[in-house]
Amino acid sequence: MDSGTQYDLEGIREEIYGKRKGLILFQDVEEELRLLKQYGRVGARRYLGRSISHYSKLKLKRVASDKAKQIRNDCLSLVRNNPTQGLWPRSREEG
């Protein structure tokens, strides 16, 4: 199974069984983490306590809600502080 299919499968599982309390899917913050790494020069280890490869290889699938909130807040602040670069993640433009 490729990673896109696995992510879709996890999303479907959450729809059927409900979300796990206090956790969100990694895919929901993955783009923000990559943006922070590329433009903010802040690695995923700062937020997650481990490298992003553990999540990319699908060994880990979920992130604590409070960590996700911190990631999103830092991403939003990066975007607000650099308005001319057009840094807003695509997933946030759609919603």
C-alpha atoms as a PDB file:
ATOM      1  CA  MET A   1       0.000   0.000   0.000  1.00  0.00           C
ATOM      2  CA  ASP A   2       1.324   3.455  -0.806  1.00  0.00           C
ATOM      3  CA  SER A   3       1.303   6.167   1.836  1.00  0.00           C
ATOM      4  CA  GLY A   4      -1.548   8.149   0.248  1.00  0.00           C
ATOM      5  CA  THR A   5      -3.814   5.127   0.405  1.00  0.00           C
ATOM      6  CA  GLN A   6      -2.824   4.429   4.003  1.00  0.00           C
ATOM      7  CA  TYR A   7      -3.645   8.012   4.969  1.00  0.00           C
ATOM      8  CA  ASP A   8      -7.019   7.720   3.276  1.00  0.00           C
ATOM      9  CA  LEU A   9      -7.672   4.465   5.114  1.00  0.00           C
ATOM     10  CA  GLU A  10      -6.910   6.079   8.466  1.00  0.00           C
ATOM     11  CA  GLY A  11      -9.317   8.910   7.654  1.00  0.00           C
ATOM     12  CA  ILE A  12     -12.051   6.404   6.829  1.00  0.00           C
ATOM     13  CA  ARG A  13     -11.389   4.522  10.075  1.00  0.00           C
ATOM     14  CA  GLU A  14     -11.848   7.743  12.016  1.00  0.00           C
ATOM     15  CA  GLU A  15     -15.135   8.397  10.226  1.00  0.00           C
ATOM     16  CA  ILE A  16     -16.410   4.930  11.103  1.00  0.00           C
ATOM     17  CA  TYR A  17     -15.083   4.452  14.630  1.00  0.00           C
ATOM     18  CA  GLY A  18     -14.805   8.080  15.654  1.00  0.00           C
ATOM     19  CA  LYS A  19     -11.756  10.125  16.505  1.00  0.00           C
ATOM     20  CA  ARG A  20      -9.410   9.098  19.269  1.00  0.00           C
ATOM     21  CA  LYS A  21      -9.714  11.557  22.116  1.00  0.00           C
ATOM     22  CA  GLY A  22      -6.739  13.895  22.450  1.00  0.00           C
ATOM     23  CA  LEU A  23      -5.156  12.769  19.165  1.00  0.00           C
ATOM     24  CA  ILE A  24      -5.305  13.894  15.554  1.00  0.00           C
ATOM     25  CA  LEU A  25      -3.974  12.292  12.404  1.00  0.00           C
ATOM     26  CA  PHE A  26      -0.426  13.248  11.494  1.00  0.00           C
ATOM     27  CA  GLN A  27      -1.515  14.023   7.951  1.00  0.00           C
ATOM     28  CA  ASP A  28      -3.530  16.961   9.316  1.00  0.00           C
ATOM     29  CA  VAL A  29      -0.352  18.779  10.408  1.00  0.00           C
ATOM     30  CA  GLU A  30       2.213  17.303   8.031  1.00  0.00           C
ATOM     31  CA  GLU A  31       2.138  20.210   5.598  1.00  0.00           C
ATOM     32  CA  GLU A  32       2.510  22.761   8.397  1.00  0.00           C
ATOM     33  CA  LEU A  33       5.544  20.885   9.747  1.00  0.00           C
ATOM     34  CA  ARG A  34       7.182  20.869   6.332  1.00  0.00           C
ATOM     35  CA  LEU A  35       6.477  24.586   5.950  1.00  0.00           C
ATOM     36  CA  LEU A  36       7.986  25.314   9.372  1.00  0.00           C
ATOM     37  CA  LYS A  37      11.054  23.284   8.500  1.00  0.00           C
ATOM     38  CA  GLN A  38      11.561  24.940   5.126  1.00  0.00           C
ATOM     39  CA  TYR A  39      10.822  28.579   5.966  1.00  0.00           C
ATOM     40  CA  GLY A  40      10.948  28.767   9.743  1.00  0.00           C
ATOM     41  CA  ARG A  41      14.037  26.573  10.062  1.00  0.00           C
ATOM     42  CA  VAL A  42      12.377  24.613  12.872  1.00  0.00           C
ATOM     43  CA  GLY A  43      12.433  20.822  12.703  1.00  0.00           C
ATOM     44  CA  ALA A  44       9.654  18.426  13.596  1.00  0.00           C
ATOM     45  CA  ARG A  45      11.677  17.102  16.527  1.00  0.00           C
ATOM     46  CA  ARG A  46      10.976  20.334  18.406  1.00  0.00           C
ATOM     47  CA  TYR A  47       7.247  19.646  18.290  1.00  0.00           C
ATOM     48  CA  LEU A  48       7.007  15.868  18.160  1.00  0.00           C
ATOM     49  CA  GLY A  49      10.046  14.786  20.153  1.00  0.00           C
ATOM     50  CA  ARG A  50      11.236  12.631  17.247  1.00  0.00           C
ATOM     51  CA  SER A  51      11.998  13.032  13.583  1.00  0.00           C
ATOM     52  CA  ILE A  52       9.312  13.237  10.950  1.00  0.00           C
ATOM     53  CA  SER A  53      10.542   9.977   9.398  1.00  0.00           C
ATOM     54  CA  HIS A  54       8.757   7.925  12.079  1.00  0.00           C
ATOM     55  CA  TYR A  55       5.486   9.411  10.879  1.00  0.00           C
ATOM     56  CA  SER A  56       6.338   9.380   7.179  1.00  0.00           C
ATOM     57  CA  LYS A  57       7.072   5.647   7.332  1.00  0.00           C
ATOM     58  CA  LEU A  58       3.647   5.180   8.981  1.00  0.00           C
ATOM     59  CA  LYS A  59       5.073   3.719  12.164  1.00  0.00           C
ATOM     60  CA  LEU A  60       3.192   6.474  13.998  1.00  0.00           C
ATOM     61  CA  LYS A  61      -0.106   7.839  12.740  1.00  0.00           C
ATOM     62  CA  ARG A  62      -1.359  10.314  15.311  1.00  0.00           C
ATOM     63  CA  VAL A  63      -0.151  13.417  17.125  1.00  0.00           C
ATOM     64  CA  ALA A  64      -1.337  14.778  20.467  1.00  0.00           C
ATOM     65  CA  SER A  65      -3.863  17.591  20.060  1.00  0.00           C
ATOM     66  CA  ASP A  66      -1.859  20.046  22.135  1.00  0.00           C
ATOM     67  CA  LYS A  67       1.222  19.470  19.969  1.00  0.00           C
ATOM     68  CA  ALA A  68      -0.864  19.939  16.824  1.00  0.00           C
ATOM     69  CA  LYS A  69      -2.226  23.191  18.205  1.00  0.00           C
ATOM     70  CA  GLN A  70       1.318  24.426  18.866  1.00  0.00           C
ATOM     71  CA  ILE A  71       2.352  23.484  15.317  1.00  0.00           C
ATOM     72  CA  ARG A  72      -0.603  25.320  13.799  1.00  0.00           C
ATOM     73  CA  ASN A  73      -0.068  28.402  15.964  1.00  0.00           C
ATOM     74  CA  ASP A  74       3.620  28.594  15.029  1.00  0.00           C
ATOM     75  CA  CYS A  75       2.778  28.075  11.367  1.00  0.00           C
ATOM     76  CA  LEU A  76       0.165  30.823  11.478  1.00  0.00           C
ATOM     77  CA  SER A  77       2.611  33.166  13.158  1.00  0.00           C
ATOM     78  CA  LEU A  78       5.253  32.375  10.504  1.00  0.00           C
ATOM     79  CA  VAL A  79       2.754  33.181   7.761  1.00  0.00           C
ATOM     80  CA  ARG A  80       1.668  36.405   9.418  1.00  0.00           C
ATOM     81  CA  ASN A  81       5.269  37.531   9.896  1.00  0.00           C
ATOM     82  CA  ASN A  82       6.150  36.806   6.242  1.00  0.00           C
ATOM     83  CA  PRO A  83       3.096  37.970   4.259  1.00  0.00           C
ATOM     84  CA  THR A  84       4.987  38.625   1.023  1.00  0.00           C
ATOM     85  CA  GLN A  85       6.216  35.043   0.608  1.00  0.00           C
ATOM     86  CA  GLY A  86       2.767  33.459   0.171  1.00  0.00           C
ATOM     87  CA  LEU A  87       3.496  30.690   2.664  1.00  0.00           C
ATOM     88  CA  TRP A  88      -0.037  29.581   3.501  1.00  0.00           C
ATOM     89  CA  PRO A  89      -0.352  25.770   3.165  1.00  0.00           C
ATOM     90  CA  ARG A  90      -2.643  24.607   0.354  1.00  0.00           C
ATOM     91  CA  SER A  91      -4.812  22.548   2.703  1.00  0.00           C
ATOM     92  CA  ARG A  92      -5.760  25.685   4.650  1.00  0.00           C
ATOM     93  CA  GLU A  93      -6.659  27.637   1.499  1.00  0.00           C
ATOM     94  CA  GLU A  94      -9.262  25.044   0.515  1.00  0.00           C
ATOM     95  CA  GLY A  95     -11.039  25.049   3.891  1.00  0.00           C
END
